[in-house]
Amino acid sequence: MDAEMAFLMANQALATPGKLVYDPFVGTGSILVAAAHFGAMTMGADIDIRVVRDGRGPDCNVWSNFKQYGLPMPIGLLRADNNLPPWRPGLKEVFDAIICDPPYGVRAGGRKSGGRKLLKGTVDPYTVPDDKRTDHIPSTGAYSLVECVHDLLDLAARMLIMGGRLVFFYPVLREDDNVENHFPEHPCFKLISTSEQILSSRYSRVLLTMVKISPYTEEIAEAARIKHIDFRENHLKWLEDGNLHSAVFSPDPQLTATGDSKLGKEPKPKYRGKYV
């Protein structure tokens, strides 16, 4: 996340001294740096332990960003999966704000714990031997934006205080005339702001700002799950794994039909979603 956008996100979340801000997709920590600049306490998590622990070296990692700007260090950085949050059962209303940029699947796809074989049920869960735990990198599988956003809303509904804010980017196709009808919803939240950032002629991303207006209960969680299923079936087919990437990078049908573009040629073979 570029610095200016991170500051805008922290501003939307009302990051101020004494507040605790959490980023479940922390990456290099740029959003937390902006929140810390406004005086907030910060905490983050990422599924890739190499990002959280190592970075690019001892002098180029998440911690060094805070040292460079003379900002308070994060309370903690966790290796955690947004699909399998590490919080103990019953823990609620901890954070004042959650700010993040979920993986869309355009530049980098989302990942969740399990691996393809484990998620398909072809292999059983395993226990890592004690002598290999230090350097073990857990297997991961594809994590669609549909599932990611559902898990994010559930996490925020459970862990945000009343009146706390959830601020995150959400991708949309620019050709869609009813973009507002495709924003995710949750019974615990009220959408108070949308700000579009145009990224290309094909798609843009919208900064959604939500405020928690209702306490989290099991009944609300079940209602949110049902709403998520309906939302996924009626609006979000293009956000399933791989579909957004195809919508963004596929040739324009008009240019292909008229032969005015090199995109009308046969596409190069793909391997794991990338051109070679």
C-alpha atoms as a PDB file:
ATOM      1  CA  MET A   1       0.000   0.000   0.000  1.00  0.00           C
ATOM      2  CA  ASP A   2       1.428   3.394  -0.959  1.00  0.00           C
ATOM      3  CA  ALA A   3       1.966   5.834   1.891  1.00  0.00           C
ATOM      4  CA  GLU A   4      -0.667   8.401   0.887  1.00  0.00           C
ATOM      5  CA  MET A   5      -3.420   5.786   0.561  1.00  0.00           C
ATOM      6  CA  ALA A   6      -2.432   4.211   3.877  1.00  0.00           C
ATOM      7  CA  PHE A   7      -2.807   7.598   5.588  1.00  0.00           C
ATOM      8  CA  LEU A   8      -6.251   8.069   4.043  1.00  0.00           C
ATOM      9  CA  MET A   9      -7.320   4.631   5.277  1.00  0.00           C
ATOM     10  CA  ALA A  10      -6.051   5.347   8.790  1.00  0.00           C
ATOM     11  CA  ASN A  11      -7.884   8.674   8.728  1.00  0.00           C
ATOM     12  CA  GLN A  12     -11.141   6.947   7.719  1.00  0.00           C
ATOM     13  CA  ALA A  13     -10.702   4.554  10.637  1.00  0.00           C
ATOM     14  CA  LEU A  14     -10.296   7.502  13.045  1.00  0.00           C
ATOM     15  CA  ALA A  15      -6.921   6.265  14.284  1.00  0.00           C
ATOM     16  CA  THR A  16      -6.032   8.369  17.318  1.00  0.00           C
ATOM     17  CA  PRO A  17      -3.902   7.996  20.478  1.00  0.00           C
ATOM     18  CA  GLY A  18      -5.153   5.256  22.767  1.00  0.00           C
ATOM     19  CA  LYS A  19      -6.935   3.248  20.074  1.00  0.00           C
ATOM     20  CA  LEU A  20      -5.922  -0.265  19.006  1.00  0.00           C
ATOM     21  CA  VAL A  21      -5.794  -0.867  15.231  1.00  0.00           C
ATOM     22  CA  TYR A  22      -5.504  -4.315  13.639  1.00  0.00           C
ATOM     23  CA  ASP A  23      -4.527  -5.363  10.103  1.00  0.00           C
ATOM     24  CA  PRO A  24      -5.188  -9.076   9.340  1.00  0.00           C
ATOM     25  CA  PHE A  25      -3.229  -8.858   6.041  1.00  0.00           C
ATOM     26  CA  VAL A  26      -0.316  -6.840   7.345  1.00  0.00           C
ATOM     27  CA  GLY A  27       2.305  -7.584   4.650  1.00  0.00           C
ATOM     28  CA  THR A  28       5.032  -4.935   4.931  1.00  0.00           C
ATOM     29  CA  GLY A  29       3.056  -3.013   7.557  1.00  0.00           C
ATOM     30  CA  SER A  30       2.437   0.207   5.617  1.00  0.00           C
ATOM     31  CA  ILE A  31      -1.121   0.602   6.935  1.00  0.00           C
ATOM     32  CA  LEU A  32       0.017   0.097  10.519  1.00  0.00           C
ATOM     33  CA  VAL A  33       2.776   2.686  10.017  1.00  0.00           C
ATOM     34  CA  ALA A  34       0.117   5.243   9.058  1.00  0.00           C
ATOM     35  CA  ALA A  35      -2.042   4.309  12.055  1.00  0.00           C
ATOM     36  CA  ALA A  36       0.961   4.578  14.381  1.00  0.00           C
ATOM     37  CA  HIS A  37       1.712   8.043  12.976  1.00  0.00           C
ATOM     38  CA  PHE A  38      -1.694   9.165  14.266  1.00  0.00           C
ATOM     39  CA  GLY A  39      -0.792   7.784  17.695  1.00  0.00           C
ATOM     40  CA  ALA A  40      -2.758   4.529  17.629  1.00  0.00           C
ATOM     41  CA  MET A  41      -1.450   1.250  19.028  1.00  0.00           C
ATOM     42  CA  THR A  42      -1.064  -1.315  16.263  1.00  0.00           C
ATOM     43  CA  MET A  43      -1.245  -5.049  15.760  1.00  0.00           C
ATOM     44  CA  GLY A  44      -1.071  -7.162  12.608  1.00  0.00           C
ATOM     45  CA  ALA A  45      -1.133 -10.661  11.185  1.00  0.00           C
ATOM     46  CA  ASP A  46      -0.201 -12.420   7.966  1.00  0.00           C
ATOM     47  CA  ILE A  47      -0.438 -16.015   6.795  1.00  0.00           C
ATOM     48  CA  ASP A  48       3.139 -15.962   5.460  1.00  0.00           C
ATOM     49  CA  ILE A  49       5.584 -16.340   8.350  1.00  0.00           C
ATOM     50  CA  ARG A  50       8.427 -15.251   6.073  1.00  0.00           C
ATOM     51  CA  VAL A  51       6.832 -11.808   5.691  1.00  0.00           C
ATOM     52  CA  VAL A  52       6.216 -11.348   9.407  1.00  0.00           C
ATOM     53  CA  ARG A  53       9.471 -12.843  10.686  1.00  0.00           C
ATOM     54  CA  ASP A  54      12.086 -12.272   7.988  1.00  0.00           C
ATOM     55  CA  GLY A  55      11.063  -9.609   5.456  1.00  0.00           C
ATOM     56  CA  ARG A  56      13.998  -8.954   3.138  1.00  0.00           C
ATOM     57  CA  GLY A  57      16.553  -9.188   5.898  1.00  0.00           C
ATOM     58  CA  PRO A  58      17.306  -7.964   9.430  1.00  0.00           C
ATOM     59  CA  ASP A  59      17.416  -4.321   8.296  1.00  0.00           C
ATOM     60  CA  CYS A  60      14.463  -4.463   5.871  1.00  0.00           C
ATOM     61  CA  ASN A  61      11.310  -5.847   7.458  1.00  0.00           C
ATOM     62  CA  VAL A  62       8.093  -4.733   9.134  1.00  0.00           C
ATOM     63  CA  TRP A  63       9.872  -3.723  12.333  1.00  0.00           C
ATOM     64  CA  SER A  64      12.507  -1.642  10.522  1.00  0.00           C
ATOM     65  CA  ASN A  65       9.742   0.514   8.977  1.00  0.00           C
ATOM     66  CA  PHE A  66       8.698   1.679  12.438  1.00  0.00           C
ATOM     67  CA  LYS A  67      12.307   2.208  13.512  1.00  0.00           C
ATOM     68  CA  GLN A  68      13.014   4.338  10.452  1.00  0.00           C
ATOM     69  CA  TYR A  69      10.148   6.742  11.225  1.00  0.00           C
ATOM     70  CA  GLY A  70      10.658   6.714  14.994  1.00  0.00           C
ATOM     71  CA  LEU A  71       7.181   5.298  15.631  1.00  0.00           C
ATOM     72  CA  PRO A  72       6.052   3.005  18.454  1.00  0.00           C
ATOM     73  CA  MET A  73       6.515  -0.654  17.610  1.00  0.00           C
ATOM     74  CA  PRO A  74       3.442  -2.832  17.022  1.00  0.00           C
ATOM     75  CA  ILE A  75       2.098  -4.630  20.078  1.00  0.00           C
ATOM     76  CA  GLY A  76       2.505  -7.839  18.134  1.00  0.00           C
ATOM     77  CA  LEU A  77       2.741  -9.372  14.670  1.00  0.00           C
ATOM     78  CA  LEU A  78       1.161 -12.798  14.315  1.00  0.00           C
ATOM     79  CA  ARG A  79       1.451 -15.608  11.822  1.00  0.00           C
ATOM     80  CA  ALA A  80      -2.295 -16.160  11.484  1.00  0.00           C
ATOM     81  CA  ASP A  81      -4.852 -17.291   8.927  1.00  0.00           C
ATOM     82  CA  ASN A  82      -7.881 -15.051   8.335  1.00  0.00           C
ATOM     83  CA  ASN A  83      -9.866 -18.219   7.573  1.00  0.00           C
ATOM     84  CA  LEU A  84      -8.841 -19.789  10.903  1.00  0.00           C
ATOM     85  CA  PRO A  85      -8.432 -16.875  13.332  1.00  0.00           C
ATOM     86  CA  PRO A  86      -6.264 -17.581  16.405  1.00  0.00           C
ATOM     87  CA  TRP A  87      -8.507 -15.919  18.983  1.00  0.00           C
ATOM     88  CA  ARG A  88      -9.870 -18.003  21.838  1.00  0.00           C
ATOM     89  CA  PRO A  89     -13.640 -18.705  21.865  1.00  0.00           C
ATOM     90  CA  GLY A  90     -15.639 -16.020  23.592  1.00  0.00           C
ATOM     91  CA  LEU A  91     -13.124 -13.220  23.003  1.00  0.00           C
ATOM     92  CA  LYS A  92     -14.975 -10.169  21.687  1.00  0.00           C
ATOM     93  CA  GLU A  93     -14.693  -6.392  21.219  1.00  0.00           C
ATOM     94  CA  VAL A  94     -10.930  -5.952  21.409  1.00  0.00           C
ATOM     95  CA  PHE A  95     -10.038  -3.601  18.541  1.00  0.00           C
ATOM     96  CA  ASP A  96     -11.109  -0.012  17.910  1.00  0.00           C
ATOM     97  CA  ALA A  97     -10.534  -0.320  14.174  1.00  0.00           C
ATOM     98  CA  ILE A  98      -9.615  -2.921  11.566  1.00  0.00           C
ATOM     99  CA  ILE A  99      -7.912  -1.604   8.427  1.00  0.00           C
ATOM    100  CA  CYS A 100      -6.755  -3.849   5.596  1.00  0.00           C
ATOM    101  CA  ASP A 101      -6.315  -4.451   1.892  1.00  0.00           C
ATOM    102  CA  PRO A 102      -7.521  -8.020   1.212  1.00  0.00           C
ATOM    103  CA  PRO A 103      -5.903  -9.990  -1.639  1.00  0.00           C
ATOM    104  CA  TYR A 104      -8.039  -9.703  -4.789  1.00  0.00           C
ATOM    105  CA  GLY A 105      -6.395 -12.340  -6.972  1.00  0.00           C
ATOM    106  CA  VAL A 106      -5.191  -9.812  -9.587  1.00  0.00           C
ATOM    107  CA  ARG A 107      -1.557  -9.324  -8.554  1.00  0.00           C
ATOM    108  CA  ALA A 108      -1.530 -11.809  -5.681  1.00  0.00           C
ATOM    109  CA  GLY A 109      -4.177 -14.349  -4.808  1.00  0.00           C
ATOM    110  CA  GLY A 110      -5.336 -15.047  -1.284  1.00  0.00           C
ATOM    111  CA  ARG A 111      -4.143 -18.148   0.565  1.00  0.00           C
ATOM    112  CA  LYS A 112      -5.572 -20.121   3.452  1.00  0.00           C
ATOM    113  CA  SER A 113      -4.221 -22.966   5.527  1.00  0.00           C
ATOM    114  CA  GLY A 114      -4.579 -26.538   4.366  1.00  0.00           C
ATOM    115  CA  GLY A 115      -3.136 -27.114   0.916  1.00  0.00           C
ATOM    116  CA  ARG A 116      -5.080 -28.576  -2.025  1.00  0.00           C
ATOM    117  CA  LYS A 117      -5.033 -32.193  -0.844  1.00  0.00           C
ATOM    118  CA  LEU A 118      -6.008 -31.365   2.731  1.00  0.00           C
ATOM    119  CA  LEU A 119      -8.823 -29.055   1.664  1.00  0.00           C
ATOM    120  CA  LYS A 120     -10.176 -31.717  -0.710  1.00  0.00           C
ATOM    121  CA  GLY A 121     -10.053 -34.310   2.055  1.00  0.00           C
ATOM    122  CA  THR A 122      -7.668 -36.638   0.230  1.00  0.00           C
ATOM    123  CA  VAL A 123      -5.169 -36.496   3.102  1.00  0.00           C
ATOM    124  CA  ASP A 124      -5.655 -36.227   6.857  1.00  0.00           C
ATOM    125  CA  PRO A 125      -4.440 -33.334   9.046  1.00  0.00           C
ATOM    126  CA  TYR A 126      -0.903 -33.821  10.230  1.00  0.00           C
ATOM    127  CA  THR A 127       1.240 -32.773  13.205  1.00  0.00           C
ATOM    128  CA  VAL A 128       4.593 -31.169  12.491  1.00  0.00           C
ATOM    129  CA  PRO A 129       7.452 -32.861  14.420  1.00  0.00           C
ATOM    130  CA  ASP A 130       9.030 -30.707  17.115  1.00  0.00           C
ATOM    131  CA  ASP A 131      12.438 -30.711  15.439  1.00  0.00           C
ATOM    132  CA  LYS A 132      10.986 -29.222  12.225  1.00  0.00           C
ATOM    133  CA  ARG A 133       8.654 -26.577  13.614  1.00  0.00           C
ATOM    134  CA  THR A 134      11.192 -23.750  13.564  1.00  0.00           C
ATOM    135  CA  ASP A 135      11.593 -23.736   9.776  1.00  0.00           C
ATOM    136  CA  HIS A 136       8.327 -25.387   8.720  1.00  0.00           C
ATOM    137  CA  ILE A 137       6.208 -23.500   6.166  1.00  0.00           C
ATOM    138  CA  PRO A 138       2.585 -24.760   6.374  1.00  0.00           C
ATOM    139  CA  SER A 139       0.821 -25.783   3.182  1.00  0.00           C
ATOM    140  CA  THR A 140      -1.779 -23.351   1.851  1.00  0.00           C
ATOM    141  CA  GLY A 141      -4.594 -23.448  -0.682  1.00  0.00           C
ATOM    142  CA  ALA A 142      -6.487 -20.939  -2.821  1.00  0.00           C
ATOM    143  CA  TYR A 143      -8.613 -18.424  -0.913  1.00  0.00           C
ATOM    144  CA  SER A 144     -11.206 -16.630  -3.030  1.00  0.00           C
ATOM    145  CA  LEU A 145     -12.142 -13.018  -2.304  1.00  0.00           C
ATOM    146  CA  VAL A 146     -15.739 -14.095  -1.664  1.00  0.00           C
ATOM    147  CA  GLU A 147     -14.674 -16.293   1.246  1.00  0.00           C
ATOM    148  CA  CYS A 148     -12.039 -13.806   2.375  1.00  0.00           C
ATOM    149  CA  VAL A 149     -14.502 -10.909   2.693  1.00  0.00           C
ATOM    150  CA  HIS A 150     -17.016 -13.100   4.525  1.00  0.00           C
ATOM    151  CA  ASP A 151     -14.353 -14.119   7.049  1.00  0.00           C
ATOM    152  CA  LEU A 152     -13.197 -10.499   7.383  1.00  0.00           C
ATOM    153  CA  LEU A 153     -16.704  -9.256   8.169  1.00  0.00           C
ATOM    154  CA  ASP A 154     -17.208 -12.045  10.695  1.00  0.00           C
ATOM    155  CA  LEU A 155     -13.865 -11.230  12.353  1.00  0.00           C
ATOM    156  CA  ALA A 156     -14.691  -7.524  12.504  1.00  0.00           C
ATOM    157  CA  ALA A 157     -18.206  -8.140  13.851  1.00  0.00           C
ATOM    158  CA  ARG A 158     -16.748 -10.244  16.648  1.00  0.00           C
ATOM    159  CA  MET A 159     -13.593  -8.299  17.502  1.00  0.00           C
ATOM    160  CA  LEU A 160     -14.504  -4.620  17.004  1.00  0.00           C
ATOM    161  CA  ILE A 161     -15.910  -2.561  19.842  1.00  0.00           C
ATOM    162  CA  MET A 162     -19.309  -0.907  19.408  1.00  0.00           C
ATOM    163  CA  GLY A 163     -18.802   2.100  17.167  1.00  0.00           C
ATOM    164  CA  GLY A 164     -15.526   0.652  15.872  1.00  0.00           C
ATOM    165  CA  ARG A 165     -14.692   1.012  12.196  1.00  0.00           C
ATOM    166  CA  LEU A 166     -13.857  -1.497   9.487  1.00  0.00           C
ATOM    167  CA  VAL A 167     -11.988   0.040   6.541  1.00  0.00           C
ATOM    168  CA  PHE A 168     -10.968  -2.082   3.554  1.00  0.00           C
ATOM    169  CA  PHE A 169     -10.627  -2.028  -0.230  1.00  0.00           C
ATOM    170  CA  TYR A 170     -13.063  -3.962  -2.408  1.00  0.00           C
ATOM    171  CA  PRO A 171     -12.591  -4.482  -6.192  1.00  0.00           C
ATOM    172  CA  VAL A 172     -15.340  -3.731  -8.725  1.00  0.00           C
ATOM    173  CA  LEU A 173     -15.658  -3.895 -12.497  1.00  0.00           C
ATOM    174  CA  ARG A 174     -16.031  -0.411 -13.970  1.00  0.00           C
ATOM    175  CA  GLU A 175     -18.532  -1.566 -16.586  1.00  0.00           C
ATOM    176  CA  ASP A 176     -20.984  -2.550 -13.851  1.00  0.00           C
ATOM    177  CA  ASP A 177     -23.831  -0.009 -13.562  1.00  0.00           C
ATOM    178  CA  ASN A 178     -25.019  -1.238 -10.163  1.00  0.00           C
ATOM    179  CA  VAL A 179     -21.785  -1.290  -8.201  1.00  0.00           C
ATOM    180  CA  GLU A 180     -23.446  -0.164  -4.959  1.00  0.00           C
ATOM    181  CA  ASN A 181     -25.670  -3.251  -4.975  1.00  0.00           C
ATOM    182  CA  HIS A 182     -22.609  -5.509  -5.017  1.00  0.00           C
ATOM    183  CA  PHE A 183     -20.947  -4.278  -1.838  1.00  0.00           C
ATOM    184  CA  PRO A 184     -20.771  -6.866   0.964  1.00  0.00           C
ATOM    185  CA  GLU A 185     -23.140  -6.440   3.901  1.00  0.00           C
ATOM    186  CA  HIS A 186     -23.364  -7.610   7.491  1.00  0.00           C
ATOM    187  CA  PRO A 187     -26.108  -7.116  10.118  1.00  0.00           C
ATOM    188  CA  CYS A 188     -23.580  -5.685  12.588  1.00  0.00           C
ATOM    189  CA  PHE A 189     -22.357  -2.939  10.259  1.00  0.00           C
ATOM    190  CA  LYS A 190     -23.571   0.222   8.600  1.00  0.00           C
ATOM    191  CA  LEU A 191     -21.794   1.411   5.445  1.00  0.00           C
ATOM    192  CA  ILE A 192     -21.045   5.120   5.877  1.00  0.00           C
ATOM    193  CA  SER A 193     -18.560   5.892   3.102  1.00  0.00           C
ATOM    194  CA  THR A 194     -17.419   4.659  -0.324  1.00  0.00           C
ATOM    195  CA  SER A 195     -14.441   6.113  -2.186  1.00  0.00           C
ATOM    196  CA  GLU A 196     -13.465   4.784  -5.613  1.00  0.00           C
ATOM    197  CA  GLN A 197      -9.889   4.548  -6.850  1.00  0.00           C
ATOM    198  CA  ILE A 198      -9.670   3.848 -10.591  1.00  0.00           C
ATOM    199  CA  LEU A 199      -6.893   1.358 -11.338  1.00  0.00           C
ATOM    200  CA  SER A 200      -7.444   0.637 -15.036  1.00  0.00           C
ATOM    201  CA  SER A 201     -10.070   0.832 -17.775  1.00  0.00           C
ATOM    202  CA  ARG A 202     -11.378  -2.542 -16.607  1.00  0.00           C
ATOM    203  CA  TYR A 203     -11.607  -2.363 -12.834  1.00  0.00           C
ATOM    204  CA  SER A 204     -11.263  -0.129  -9.829  1.00  0.00           C
ATOM    205  CA  ARG A 205     -11.316  -0.597  -6.094  1.00  0.00           C
ATOM    206  CA  VAL A 206     -13.608   1.053  -3.589  1.00  0.00           C
ATOM    207  CA  LEU A 207     -12.573   1.997  -0.077  1.00  0.00           C
ATOM    208  CA  LEU A 208     -15.453   0.883   2.130  1.00  0.00           C
ATOM    209  CA  THR A 209     -15.850   2.377   5.595  1.00  0.00           C
ATOM    210  CA  MET A 210     -18.246   0.571   7.941  1.00  0.00           C
ATOM    211  CA  VAL A 211     -19.257   1.283  11.534  1.00  0.00           C
ATOM    212  CA  LYS A 212     -20.300  -1.406  13.986  1.00  0.00           C
ATOM    213  CA  ILE A 213     -23.841  -0.656  15.138  1.00  0.00           C
ATOM    214  CA  SER A 214     -24.930  -3.958  16.685  1.00  0.00           C
ATOM    215  CA  PRO A 215     -23.302  -6.437  19.093  1.00  0.00           C
ATOM    216  CA  TYR A 216     -22.175  -9.808  17.772  1.00  0.00           C
ATOM    217  CA  THR A 217     -24.337 -12.814  18.635  1.00  0.00           C
ATOM    218  CA  GLU A 218     -24.610 -16.351  17.305  1.00  0.00           C
ATOM    219  CA  GLU A 219     -27.998 -15.480  15.787  1.00  0.00           C
ATOM    220  CA  ILE A 220     -26.467 -12.573  13.890  1.00  0.00           C
ATOM    221  CA  ALA A 221     -23.574 -14.788  12.774  1.00  0.00           C
ATOM    222  CA  GLU A 222     -26.054 -17.292  11.303  1.00  0.00           C
ATOM    223  CA  ALA A 223     -28.015 -14.509   9.586  1.00  0.00           C
ATOM    224  CA  ALA A 224     -24.761 -13.162   8.117  1.00  0.00           C
ATOM    225  CA  ARG A 225     -23.851 -16.634   6.848  1.00  0.00           C
ATOM    226  CA  ILE A 226     -27.189 -16.972   5.038  1.00  0.00           C
ATOM    227  CA  LYS A 227     -26.849 -13.486   3.568  1.00  0.00           C
ATOM    228  CA  HIS A 228     -23.337 -14.356   2.415  1.00  0.00           C
ATOM    229  CA  ILE A 229     -24.583 -17.452   0.557  1.00  0.00           C
ATOM    230  CA  ASP A 230     -27.262 -15.419  -1.229  1.00  0.00           C
ATOM    231  CA  PHE A 231     -24.778 -12.647  -1.981  1.00  0.00           C
ATOM    232  CA  ARG A 232     -22.259 -15.092  -3.444  1.00  0.00           C
ATOM    233  CA  GLU A 233     -24.799 -16.854  -5.655  1.00  0.00           C
ATOM    234  CA  ASN A 234     -26.417 -13.702  -7.037  1.00  0.00           C
ATOM    235  CA  HIS A 235     -23.632 -11.141  -7.292  1.00  0.00           C
ATOM    236  CA  LEU A 236     -20.134 -12.479  -6.849  1.00  0.00           C
ATOM    237  CA  LYS A 237     -19.503 -15.183  -9.452  1.00  0.00           C
ATOM    238  CA  TRP A 238     -16.825 -12.993 -11.024  1.00  0.00           C
ATOM    239  CA  LEU A 239     -15.020 -12.732  -7.684  1.00  0.00           C
ATOM    240  CA  GLU A 240     -14.533 -16.470  -7.309  1.00  0.00           C
ATOM    241  CA  ASP A 241     -10.998 -17.801  -7.559  1.00  0.00           C
ATOM    242  CA  GLY A 242      -9.435 -16.804 -10.906  1.00  0.00           C
ATOM    243  CA  ASN A 243     -12.477 -15.009 -12.346  1.00  0.00           C
ATOM    244  CA  LEU A 244     -11.372 -11.501 -11.382  1.00  0.00           C
ATOM    245  CA  HIS A 245      -7.949 -12.066 -12.918  1.00  0.00           C
ATOM    246  CA  SER A 246      -9.574 -13.215 -16.166  1.00  0.00           C
ATOM    247  CA  ALA A 247     -11.976 -10.261 -16.221  1.00  0.00           C
ATOM    248  CA  VAL A 248      -9.130  -7.782 -15.790  1.00  0.00           C
ATOM    249  CA  PHE A 249      -6.579  -9.258 -18.205  1.00  0.00           C
ATOM    250  CA  SER A 250      -8.723 -10.885 -20.907  1.00  0.00           C
ATOM    251  CA  PRO A 251      -8.750  -9.130 -24.343  1.00  0.00           C
ATOM    252  CA  ASP A 252     -11.423  -6.501 -24.998  1.00  0.00           C
ATOM    253  CA  PRO A 253     -14.121  -8.182 -27.149  1.00  0.00           C
ATOM    254  CA  GLN A 254     -14.596  -5.042 -29.274  1.00  0.00           C
ATOM    255  CA  LEU A 255     -10.897  -4.722 -30.072  1.00  0.00           C
ATOM    256  CA  THR A 256     -10.642  -8.420 -30.767  1.00  0.00           C
ATOM    257  CA  ALA A 257     -13.599  -8.332 -33.168  1.00  0.00           C
ATOM    258  CA  THR A 258     -12.263  -5.367 -35.169  1.00  0.00           C
ATOM    259  CA  GLY A 259      -8.681  -6.589 -35.207  1.00  0.00           C
ATOM    260  CA  ASP A 260      -7.432  -3.208 -33.955  1.00  0.00           C
ATOM    261  CA  SER A 261      -5.360  -4.684 -31.183  1.00  0.00           C
ATOM    262  CA  LYS A 262      -2.565  -7.177 -30.760  1.00  0.00           C
ATOM    263  CA  LEU A 263      -4.787  -8.698 -28.099  1.00  0.00           C
ATOM    264  CA  GLY A 264      -6.787 -10.313 -30.883  1.00  0.00           C
ATOM    265  CA  LYS A 265      -4.001 -12.831 -31.414  1.00  0.00           C
ATOM    266  CA  GLU A 266      -3.999 -16.234 -29.825  1.00  0.00           C
ATOM    267  CA  PRO A 267      -3.144 -15.867 -26.120  1.00  0.00           C
ATOM    268  CA  LYS A 268       0.064 -17.307 -24.802  1.00  0.00           C
ATOM    269  CA  PRO A 269      -0.189 -20.431 -22.663  1.00  0.00           C
ATOM    270  CA  LYS A 270      -0.803 -19.850 -18.973  1.00  0.00           C
ATOM    271  CA  TYR A 271       0.775 -21.554 -16.009  1.00  0.00           C
ATOM    272  CA  ARG A 272      -0.841 -20.972 -12.622  1.00  0.00           C
ATOM    273  CA  GLY A 273      -2.622 -17.890 -13.912  1.00  0.00           C
ATOM    274  CA  LYS A 274       0.420 -16.034 -15.249  1.00  0.00           C
ATOM    275  CA  TYR A 275       1.611 -15.468 -18.793  1.00  0.00           C
ATOM    276  CA  VAL A 276       5.042 -16.824 -19.720  1.00  0.00           C
END
